[in-house]
């Protein structure tokens, strides 16, 4: 059996000078602004987790890792993704591929793209060729276009093993 899932996440950037980096795809991206979030605010990994959970027909990450639980305050989203991968395997599925788009004006993601894809592939237990991560701007439109935040959308294809 083959199953498709999709996920979307967005976070607001904190004020300039609030940080030296933010997490994206499990990688720290140098930037003078962090994100406002209960966990590390990694929009790419959060969208990926929701995509996998959706493909499995399970509740979203807010159900599994609620922001009302202090255990998840500032948690590294890579550890949460590992738990979701465990659920995927427990349910008898493996990843065929994932396709992600990150929406942000700044900073540029291209210098970090290879490391992001390798990091995600390692956690998913798949080949880098099964992981696609792209970035686009929104041509200065809306909150993301004004540099107030970023978002990610992910689609996954899973197959039963």
Protein backbone atom coordinates (compact mmCIF):
# COMPACT_ATOMS: atom_id res chain seq x y z
CA UNK A 1 0.00 0.00 0.00
CA UNK A 2 1.14 3.53 -0.80
CA UNK A 3 0.10 6.56 1.27
CA UNK A 4 0.59 10.30 0.73
CA UNK A 5 0.81 12.91 3.47
CA UNK A 6 1.32 16.66 3.51
CA UNK A 7 2.38 19.07 6.20
CA UNK A 8 2.66 22.81 6.63
CA UNK A 9 4.28 24.89 9.36
CA UNK A 10 5.12 28.56 9.84
CA UNK A 11 6.83 30.61 12.53
CA UNK A 12 7.45 34.28 13.18
CA UNK A 13 10.99 35.59 13.46
CA UNK A 14 11.98 37.26 16.73
CA UNK A 15 13.45 40.77 16.75
CA UNK A 16 16.78 41.42 14.96
CA UNK A 17 19.71 40.68 17.23
CA UNK A 18 17.69 38.07 19.16
CA UNK A 19 19.85 35.13 18.08
CA UNK A 20 22.81 34.02 16.01
CA UNK A 21 20.92 31.28 14.15
CA UNK A 22 17.68 29.36 13.74
CA UNK A 23 16.97 25.68 13.06
CA UNK A 24 15.90 24.60 9.59
CA UNK A 25 15.87 20.97 8.56
CA UNK A 26 17.92 20.06 11.60
CA UNK A 27 20.68 22.52 10.67
CA UNK A 28 21.50 25.80 12.42
CA UNK A 29 21.27 28.58 9.84
CA UNK A 30 23.33 31.69 10.69
CA UNK A 31 20.97 34.66 11.03
CA UNK A 32 20.53 37.54 13.47
CA UNK A 33 16.98 36.45 14.33
CA UNK A 34 15.63 33.34 15.99
CA UNK A 35 12.07 32.10 15.66
CA UNK A 36 9.32 32.43 18.22
CA UNK A 37 8.25 28.90 19.15
CA UNK A 38 7.77 26.51 22.05
CA UNK A 39 10.29 24.03 20.61
CA UNK A 40 13.25 25.00 18.42
CA UNK A 41 10.75 26.21 15.79
CA UNK A 42 12.16 24.15 12.91
CA UNK A 43 9.38 24.70 10.35
CA UNK A 44 10.82 22.17 7.89
CA UNK A 45 11.02 19.29 10.36
CA UNK A 46 7.62 20.19 11.84
CA UNK A 47 5.99 20.11 8.39
CA UNK A 48 7.78 16.84 7.62
CA UNK A 49 6.52 15.25 10.84
CA UNK A 50 2.95 16.33 10.10
CA UNK A 51 3.26 14.94 6.56
CA UNK A 52 4.42 11.53 7.84
CA UNK A 53 1.79 11.46 10.59
CA UNK A 54 -0.90 12.44 8.07
CA UNK A 55 0.15 9.67 5.69
CA UNK A 56 -0.15 7.21 8.56
CA UNK A 57 -3.60 8.55 9.49
CA UNK A 58 -2.34 9.62 12.93
CA UNK A 59 -2.98 12.90 14.79
CA UNK A 60 -0.67 15.87 14.13
CA UNK A 61 2.46 16.87 16.03
CA UNK A 62 0.44 19.09 18.36
CA UNK A 63 -1.22 15.91 19.65
CA UNK A 64 2.04 13.96 20.00
CA UNK A 65 4.20 16.84 21.28
CA UNK A 66 1.85 19.48 22.75
CA UNK A 67 3.23 22.96 23.39
CA UNK A 68 1.50 22.85 26.78
CA UNK A 69 3.99 20.15 27.87
CA UNK A 70 7.18 21.64 29.38
CA UNK A 71 9.16 18.59 28.15
CA UNK A 72 9.03 20.09 24.65
CA UNK A 73 10.19 23.59 25.60
CA UNK A 74 13.18 24.38 23.33
CA UNK A 75 13.39 20.71 22.28
CA UNK A 76 15.53 19.81 19.27
CA UNK A 77 13.06 18.85 16.52
CA UNK A 78 15.46 16.18 15.25
CA UNK A 79 14.64 14.12 18.35
CA UNK A 80 10.91 14.54 17.68
CA UNK A 81 11.36 13.49 14.05
CA UNK A 82 13.16 10.35 15.23
CA UNK A 83 10.07 9.49 17.31
CA UNK A 84 7.82 10.03 14.29
CA UNK A 85 10.10 7.82 12.16
CA UNK A 86 9.70 5.18 14.89
CA UNK A 87 5.92 5.44 14.56
CA UNK A 88 6.24 5.13 10.78
CA UNK A 89 8.23 1.91 11.16
CA UNK A 90 5.93 0.56 13.91
CA UNK A 91 3.02 1.04 11.52
CA UNK A 92 4.86 -0.92 8.81
CA UNK A 93 5.84 1.90 6.44
CA UNK A 94 8.97 3.33 4.89
CA UNK A 95 9.59 6.52 2.97
CA UNK A 96 9.62 6.43 -0.82
CA UNK A 97 10.36 10.15 -1.07
CA UNK A 98 9.69 13.59 0.35
CA UNK A 99 9.42 16.93 -1.40
CA UNK A 100 9.64 20.17 0.57
CA UNK A 101 9.42 23.85 -0.19
CA UNK A 102 10.64 26.46 2.30
CA UNK A 103 9.22 29.97 1.93
CA UNK A 104 11.47 32.76 3.16
CA UNK A 105 12.97 36.01 1.91
CA UNK A 106 16.19 35.93 3.94
CA UNK A 107 18.57 34.34 4.63
CA UNK A 108 19.32 32.39 1.47
CA UNK A 109 18.95 28.66 1.99
CA UNK A 110 21.01 27.46 -1.00
CA UNK A 111 24.36 27.34 0.89
CA UNK A 112 22.79 25.01 3.47
CA UNK A 113 20.60 22.86 1.19
CA UNK A 114 22.95 19.87 0.86
CA UNK A 115 23.54 19.62 4.61
CA UNK A 116 19.80 19.96 5.30
CA UNK A 117 18.98 17.14 2.88
CA UNK A 118 21.74 14.91 4.28
CA UNK A 119 20.57 15.56 7.85
CA UNK A 120 16.96 14.71 7.00
CA UNK A 121 17.97 11.59 5.04
CA UNK A 122 20.05 10.34 7.98
CA UNK A 123 17.13 10.72 10.40
CA UNK A 124 14.65 9.13 7.96
CA UNK A 125 17.06 6.28 7.24
CA UNK A 126 16.93 6.83 3.49
CA UNK A 127 19.13 7.98 0.63
CA UNK A 128 19.65 11.70 0.04
CA UNK A 129 18.20 11.14 -3.43
CA UNK A 130 14.83 10.45 -1.73
CA UNK A 131 14.84 13.90 -0.11
CA UNK A 132 14.09 17.09 -2.03
CA UNK A 133 14.25 20.49 -0.34
CA UNK A 134 13.71 23.69 -2.28
CA UNK A 135 13.34 27.31 -1.26
CA UNK A 136 11.43 30.19 -2.74
CA UNK A 137 10.66 33.76 -1.88
CA UNK A 138 7.16 35.15 -2.00
CA UNK A 139 8.26 38.23 -3.98
CA UNK A 140 7.93 40.55 -0.96
CA UNK A 141 4.22 39.74 -0.50
CA UNK A 142 2.70 39.36 2.97
CA UNK A 143 4.39 38.65 6.29
CA UNK A 144 6.95 36.24 4.86
CA UNK A 145 7.72 38.72 2.08
CA UNK A 146 8.34 41.44 4.66
CA UNK A 147 10.81 39.12 6.42
CA UNK A 148 8.59 38.60 9.47
CA UNK A 149 8.81 34.81 9.37
CA UNK A 150 9.13 31.67 7.31
CA UNK A 151 7.11 28.60 6.39
CA UNK A 152 7.58 25.13 4.96
CA UNK A 153 5.35 22.73 3.10
CA UNK A 154 6.20 19.03 2.76
CA UNK A 155 4.69 16.13 0.86
CA UNK A 156 5.73 12.52 1.56
CA UNK A 157 5.05 9.24 -0.15
CA UNK A 158 5.19 6.15 2.06
CA UNK A 159 4.92 2.47 1.20
CA UNK A 160 4.13 -0.50 3.35
CA UNK A 161 6.99 -2.91 3.96
